[in-house]
Amino acid sequence: MPDDTPTDKTQLMESLAESQISIIHLARLAKEAKDKKLSDKLTAQARALRQEIARLRRSLHEEWKAGTARLTAGAKSAQAGLEKLVARVEQDKKLITRATKALSLVTDLLALSRRL
């Protein structure tokens, strides 16, 4: 089927729904004109379109469900990566604080040694 994207399927589904409405209207007109054979034939066509629309809707639902699952998995992976990065930043922050304190102590020791 050339209609592979959800957008194409959605547009096809909308077109089929419009056709179904038109066919149902023609079936009612045929019924009013007492043309049972034509009315039955048009009703069968409308039913077939309704089934095709339902099939497309189900396939779209499955595609959207799969796409949502992929996006959710990607978001979870990104969240895990961000959590690791935050943990690393926190660890680096502690190391920088320690290094700053050590540098301050060394500076104080140098200042004391110069006085002596």
N, C-alpha and C. Protein backbone atom coordinates (compact mmCIF):
# COMPACT_ATOMS: atom_id res chain seq x y z
N MET A 1 0.85 -1.18 0.00
CA MET A 1 0.00 0.00 0.00
C MET A 1 0.89 1.24 0.00
N PRO A 2 0.70 2.21 -0.92
CA PRO A 2 1.55 3.38 -0.99
C PRO A 2 1.34 4.33 0.19
N ASP A 3 0.24 4.23 0.87
CA ASP A 3 -0.05 5.12 1.99
C ASP A 3 0.58 4.55 3.25
N ASP A 4 1.85 4.89 3.49
CA ASP A 4 2.57 4.30 4.61
C ASP A 4 2.63 5.19 5.83
N THR A 5 2.55 6.49 5.64
CA THR A 5 2.69 7.38 6.79
C THR A 5 1.35 7.59 7.48
N PRO A 6 1.41 7.88 8.78
CA PRO A 6 0.15 8.15 9.49
C PRO A 6 -0.64 9.29 8.88
N THR A 7 0.04 10.31 8.36
CA THR A 7 -0.66 11.43 7.75
C THR A 7 -1.42 10.97 6.51
N ASP A 8 -0.76 10.15 5.68
CA ASP A 8 -1.43 9.62 4.48
C ASP A 8 -2.64 8.77 4.86
N LYS A 9 -2.47 7.95 5.88
CA LYS A 9 -3.57 7.09 6.31
C LYS A 9 -4.71 7.91 6.89
N THR A 10 -4.38 8.96 7.60
CA THR A 10 -5.41 9.83 8.17
C THR A 10 -6.19 10.52 7.05
N GLN A 11 -5.48 11.01 6.06
CA GLN A 11 -6.14 11.66 4.92
C GLN A 11 -7.00 10.67 4.15
N LEU A 12 -6.48 9.46 3.97
CA LEU A 12 -7.26 8.42 3.29
C LEU A 12 -8.52 8.10 4.08
N MET A 13 -8.37 8.00 5.39
CA MET A 13 -9.51 7.69 6.25
C MET A 13 -10.57 8.79 6.15
N GLU A 14 -10.14 10.05 6.12
CA GLU A 14 -11.07 11.16 5.99
C GLU A 14 -11.78 11.13 4.64
N SER A 15 -11.05 10.83 3.58
CA SER A 15 -11.66 10.73 2.25
C SER A 15 -12.66 9.59 2.18
N LEU A 16 -12.29 8.46 2.76
CA LEU A 16 -13.23 7.33 2.79
C LEU A 16 -14.49 7.65 3.58
N ALA A 17 -14.33 8.39 4.67
CA ALA A 17 -15.49 8.78 5.48
C ALA A 17 -16.41 9.70 4.69
N GLU A 18 -15.83 10.63 3.95
CA GLU A 18 -16.64 11.52 3.11
C GLU A 18 -17.37 10.71 2.03
N SER A 19 -16.67 9.76 1.42
CA SER A 19 -17.30 8.90 0.41
C SER A 19 -18.42 8.08 1.02
N GLN A 20 -18.17 7.58 2.22
CA GLN A 20 -19.19 6.77 2.90
C GLN A 20 -20.44 7.61 3.15
N ILE A 21 -20.28 8.83 3.59
CA ILE A 21 -21.42 9.72 3.84
C ILE A 21 -22.20 9.95 2.55
N SER A 22 -21.47 10.19 1.46
CA SER A 22 -22.13 10.42 0.16
C SER A 22 -22.88 9.17 -0.29
N ILE A 23 -22.28 8.01 -0.12
CA ILE A 23 -22.92 6.76 -0.54
C ILE A 23 -24.16 6.48 0.31
N ILE A 24 -24.07 6.75 1.61
CA ILE A 24 -25.24 6.56 2.48
C ILE A 24 -26.37 7.49 2.04
N HIS A 25 -26.02 8.72 1.70
CA HIS A 25 -27.04 9.66 1.22
C HIS A 25 -27.69 9.14 -0.07
N LEU A 26 -26.86 8.65 -1.00
CA LEU A 26 -27.40 8.11 -2.25
C LEU A 26 -28.26 6.87 -1.98
N ALA A 27 -27.87 6.06 -1.02
CA ALA A 27 -28.66 4.87 -0.67
C ALA A 27 -30.03 5.27 -0.13
N ARG A 28 -30.07 6.33 0.66
CA ARG A 28 -31.35 6.82 1.19
C ARG A 28 -32.23 7.35 0.07
N LEU A 29 -31.59 8.07 -0.86
CA LEU A 29 -32.37 8.57 -2.01
C LEU A 29 -32.93 7.41 -2.83
N ALA A 30 -32.11 6.38 -3.02
CA ALA A 30 -32.56 5.21 -3.78
C ALA A 30 -33.70 4.51 -3.04
N LYS A 31 -33.60 4.46 -1.74
CA LYS A 31 -34.66 3.83 -0.94
C LYS A 31 -35.95 4.63 -1.05
N GLU A 32 -35.82 5.96 -1.00
CA GLU A 32 -37.01 6.82 -1.16
C GLU A 32 -37.63 6.66 -2.54
N ALA A 33 -36.78 6.42 -3.54
CA ALA A 33 -37.27 6.23 -4.91
C ALA A 33 -37.73 4.80 -5.13
N LYS A 34 -37.70 4.01 -4.07
CA LYS A 34 -38.16 2.62 -4.07
C LYS A 34 -37.33 1.73 -5.01
N ASP A 35 -36.03 2.05 -5.11
CA ASP A 35 -35.11 1.22 -5.88
C ASP A 35 -34.31 0.38 -4.88
N LYS A 36 -34.91 -0.71 -4.44
CA LYS A 36 -34.32 -1.54 -3.39
C LYS A 36 -32.97 -2.13 -3.81
N LYS A 37 -32.87 -2.55 -5.05
CA LYS A 37 -31.62 -3.17 -5.51
C LYS A 37 -30.45 -2.18 -5.42
N LEU A 38 -30.67 -0.97 -5.90
CA LEU A 38 -29.63 0.05 -5.85
C LEU A 38 -29.35 0.44 -4.40
N SER A 39 -30.40 0.58 -3.60
CA SER A 39 -30.25 0.93 -2.20
C SER A 39 -29.41 -0.12 -1.47
N ASP A 40 -29.70 -1.39 -1.70
CA ASP A 40 -28.95 -2.47 -1.06
C ASP A 40 -27.48 -2.46 -1.49
N LYS A 41 -27.26 -2.23 -2.80
CA LYS A 41 -25.90 -2.20 -3.32
C LYS A 41 -25.11 -1.04 -2.70
N LEU A 42 -25.71 0.13 -2.62
CA LEU A 42 -25.04 1.29 -2.03
C LEU A 42 -24.80 1.09 -0.53
N THR A 43 -25.76 0.48 0.14
CA THR A 43 -25.60 0.21 1.57
C THR A 43 -24.44 -0.75 1.80
N ALA A 44 -24.30 -1.75 0.93
CA ALA A 44 -23.18 -2.70 1.04
C ALA A 44 -21.85 -1.97 0.82
N GLN A 45 -21.82 -1.05 -0.15
CA GLN A 45 -20.59 -0.28 -0.39
C GLN A 45 -20.25 0.59 0.82
N ALA A 46 -21.27 1.20 1.41
CA ALA A 46 -21.05 2.03 2.60
C ALA A 46 -20.52 1.17 3.74
N ARG A 47 -21.05 -0.02 3.90
CA ARG A 47 -20.60 -0.94 4.95
C ARG A 47 -19.13 -1.33 4.72
N ALA A 48 -18.78 -1.59 3.45
CA ALA A 48 -17.40 -1.94 3.13
C ALA A 48 -16.45 -0.78 3.45
N LEU A 49 -16.90 0.43 3.14
CA LEU A 49 -16.08 1.60 3.46
C LEU A 49 -15.92 1.76 4.98
N ARG A 50 -17.00 1.52 5.71
CA ARG A 50 -16.94 1.61 7.17
C ARG A 50 -15.92 0.61 7.72
N GLN A 51 -15.89 -0.60 7.16
CA GLN A 51 -14.94 -1.61 7.60
C GLN A 51 -13.50 -1.21 7.27
N GLU A 52 -13.31 -0.63 6.11
CA GLU A 52 -11.97 -0.17 5.71
C GLU A 52 -11.51 0.97 6.62
N ILE A 53 -12.43 1.87 6.94
CA ILE A 53 -12.10 2.98 7.85
C ILE A 53 -11.71 2.42 9.22
N ALA A 54 -12.45 1.44 9.69
CA ALA A 54 -12.14 0.81 10.99
C ALA A 54 -10.76 0.14 10.95
N ARG A 55 -10.44 -0.52 9.84
CA ARG A 55 -9.14 -1.17 9.69
C ARG A 55 -8.02 -0.13 9.72
N LEU A 56 -8.20 0.97 8.99
CA LEU A 56 -7.20 2.04 8.98
C LEU A 56 -7.05 2.65 10.36
N ARG A 57 -8.15 2.86 11.04
CA ARG A 57 -8.11 3.43 12.39
C ARG A 57 -7.31 2.52 13.34
N ARG A 58 -7.55 1.21 13.24
CA ARG A 58 -6.80 0.27 14.08
C ARG A 58 -5.31 0.31 13.76
N SER A 59 -4.98 0.33 12.47
CA SER A 59 -3.55 0.34 12.10
C SER A 59 -2.88 1.64 12.54
N LEU A 60 -3.61 2.76 12.44
CA LEU A 60 -3.06 4.03 12.92
C LEU A 60 -2.85 3.99 14.43
N HIS A 61 -3.81 3.42 15.12
CA HIS A 61 -3.69 3.31 16.57
C HIS A 61 -2.43 2.51 16.94
N GLU A 62 -2.20 1.41 16.25
CA GLU A 62 -1.02 0.59 16.52
C GLU A 62 0.27 1.35 16.20
N GLU A 63 0.27 2.09 15.08
CA GLU A 63 1.46 2.86 14.71
C GLU A 63 1.73 3.96 15.75
N TRP A 64 0.67 4.65 16.17
CA TRP A 64 0.84 5.70 17.17
C TRP A 64 1.29 5.11 18.50
N LYS A 65 0.75 3.95 18.83
CA LYS A 65 1.14 3.28 20.07
C LYS A 65 2.63 2.91 20.03
N ALA A 66 3.07 2.36 18.89
CA ALA A 66 4.48 2.00 18.74
C ALA A 66 5.37 3.24 18.77
N GLY A 67 4.92 4.30 18.09
CA GLY A 67 5.69 5.55 18.10
C GLY A 67 5.79 6.14 19.49
N THR A 68 4.70 6.08 20.22
CA THR A 68 4.69 6.59 21.59
C THR A 68 5.63 5.78 22.46
N ALA A 69 5.64 4.46 22.26
CA ALA A 69 6.54 3.60 23.04
C ALA A 69 8.00 3.94 22.73
N ARG A 70 8.31 4.18 21.45
CA ARG A 70 9.69 4.56 21.08
C ARG A 70 10.08 5.89 21.71
N LEU A 71 9.16 6.86 21.65
CA LEU A 71 9.45 8.17 22.23
C LEU A 71 9.61 8.08 23.75
N THR A 72 8.78 7.27 24.38
CA THR A 72 8.88 7.09 25.83
C THR A 72 10.21 6.45 26.20
N ALA A 73 10.61 5.44 25.45
CA ALA A 73 11.91 4.79 25.71
C ALA A 73 13.05 5.78 25.52
N GLY A 74 12.96 6.59 24.47
CA GLY A 74 13.99 7.61 24.25
C GLY A 74 14.03 8.64 25.37
N ALA A 75 12.85 9.03 25.84
CA ALA A 75 12.79 10.00 26.94
C ALA A 75 13.37 9.41 28.22
N LYS A 76 13.07 8.14 28.47
CA LYS A 76 13.62 7.49 29.67
C LYS A 76 15.14 7.41 29.58
N SER A 77 15.64 7.09 28.40
CA SER A 77 17.08 7.01 28.20
C SER A 77 17.72 8.38 28.40
N ALA A 78 17.09 9.42 27.86
CA ALA A 78 17.61 10.78 28.03
C ALA A 78 17.57 11.18 29.50
N GLN A 79 16.50 10.81 30.19
CA GLN A 79 16.38 11.12 31.62
C GLN A 79 17.50 10.44 32.41
N ALA A 80 17.76 9.18 32.09
CA ALA A 80 18.84 8.45 32.78
C ALA A 80 20.18 9.12 32.52
N GLY A 81 20.40 9.54 31.27
CA GLY A 81 21.64 10.24 30.94
C GLY A 81 21.77 11.55 31.70
N LEU A 82 20.66 12.29 31.81
CA LEU A 82 20.69 13.54 32.56
C LEU A 82 20.96 13.29 34.05
N GLU A 83 20.37 12.24 34.58
CA GLU A 83 20.60 11.91 35.99
C GLU A 83 22.07 11.59 36.23
N LYS A 84 22.70 10.85 35.30
CA LYS A 84 24.13 10.54 35.43
C LYS A 84 24.96 11.82 35.35
N LEU A 85 24.57 12.70 34.43
CA LEU A 85 25.30 13.96 34.27
C LEU A 85 25.17 14.81 35.53
N VAL A 86 23.97 14.88 36.10
CA VAL A 86 23.78 15.65 37.33
C VAL A 86 24.61 15.06 38.46
N ALA A 87 24.62 13.72 38.56
CA ALA A 87 25.43 13.07 39.60
C ALA A 87 26.91 13.39 39.40
N ARG A 88 27.35 13.38 38.15
CA ARG A 88 28.76 13.69 37.87
C ARG A 88 29.07 15.14 38.21
N VAL A 89 28.17 16.04 37.90
CA VAL A 89 28.36 17.46 38.21
C VAL A 89 28.45 17.64 39.72
N GLU A 90 27.56 16.95 40.44
CA GLU A 90 27.60 17.03 41.91
C GLU A 90 28.93 16.51 42.45
N GLN A 91 29.41 15.40 41.87
CA GLN A 91 30.70 14.84 42.30
C GLN A 91 31.83 15.82 41.98
N ASP A 92 31.78 16.40 40.76
CA ASP A 92 32.80 17.37 40.38
C ASP A 92 32.74 18.61 41.28
N LYS A 93 31.55 18.99 41.67
CA LYS A 93 31.38 20.14 42.55
C LYS A 93 32.06 19.87 43.89
N LYS A 94 31.90 18.66 44.41
CA LYS A 94 32.55 18.29 45.68
C LYS A 94 34.06 18.33 45.52
N LEU A 95 34.56 17.79 44.38
CA LEU A 95 36.01 17.79 44.14
C LEU A 95 36.54 19.21 44.02
N ILE A 96 35.81 20.07 43.38
CA ILE A 96 36.24 21.47 43.23
C ILE A 96 36.26 22.15 44.59
N THR A 97 35.24 21.85 45.41
CA THR A 97 35.21 22.43 46.75
C THR A 97 36.41 21.97 47.56
N ARG A 98 36.73 20.69 47.49
CA ARG A 98 37.90 20.15 48.20
C ARG A 98 39.20 20.77 47.69
N ALA A 99 39.29 20.87 46.36
CA ALA A 99 40.50 21.45 45.76
C ALA A 99 40.65 22.91 46.16
N THR A 100 39.53 23.63 46.22
CA THR A 100 39.57 25.04 46.63
C THR A 100 40.04 25.17 48.07
N LYS A 101 39.52 24.29 48.94
CA LYS A 101 39.95 24.30 50.34
C LYS A 101 41.43 23.97 50.46
N ALA A 102 41.87 22.97 49.68
CA ALA A 102 43.29 22.58 49.71
C ALA A 102 44.16 23.72 49.22
N LEU A 103 43.74 24.40 48.16
CA LEU A 103 44.49 25.53 47.61
C LEU A 103 44.55 26.67 48.63
N SER A 104 43.46 26.87 49.32
CA SER A 104 43.42 27.90 50.36
C SER A 104 44.40 27.57 51.48
N LEU A 105 44.44 26.29 51.87
CA LEU A 105 45.39 25.86 52.91
C LEU A 105 46.83 26.05 52.44
N VAL A 106 47.11 25.70 51.21
CA VAL A 106 48.46 25.85 50.66
C VAL A 106 48.83 27.33 50.62
N THR A 107 47.88 28.17 50.24
CA THR A 107 48.13 29.62 50.19
C THR A 107 48.44 30.14 51.59
N ASP A 108 47.65 29.66 52.57
CA ASP A 108 47.89 30.07 53.96
C ASP A 108 49.26 29.59 54.44
N LEU A 109 49.63 28.36 54.09
CA LEU A 109 50.95 27.83 54.48
C LEU A 109 52.08 28.63 53.83
N LEU A 110 51.92 28.98 52.56
CA LEU A 110 52.93 29.80 51.87
C LEU A 110 53.06 31.17 52.53
N ALA A 111 51.91 31.72 52.88
CA ALA A 111 51.95 33.04 53.55
C ALA A 111 52.67 32.92 54.89
N LEU A 112 52.42 31.84 55.63
CA LEU A 112 53.11 31.63 56.92
C LEU A 112 54.60 31.42 56.72
N SER A 113 54.96 30.64 55.69
CA SER A 113 56.38 30.36 55.45
C SER A 113 57.12 31.63 55.04
N ARG A 114 56.49 32.54 54.38
CA ARG A 114 57.13 33.79 53.97
C ARG A 114 57.37 34.69 55.18
N ARG A 115 56.48 34.60 56.14
CA ARG A 115 56.63 35.39 57.34
C ARG A 115 57.81 34.91 58.18
N LEU A 116 58.05 33.63 58.08
CA LEU A 116 59.14 33.05 58.87
C LEU A 116 60.43 33.28 58.19
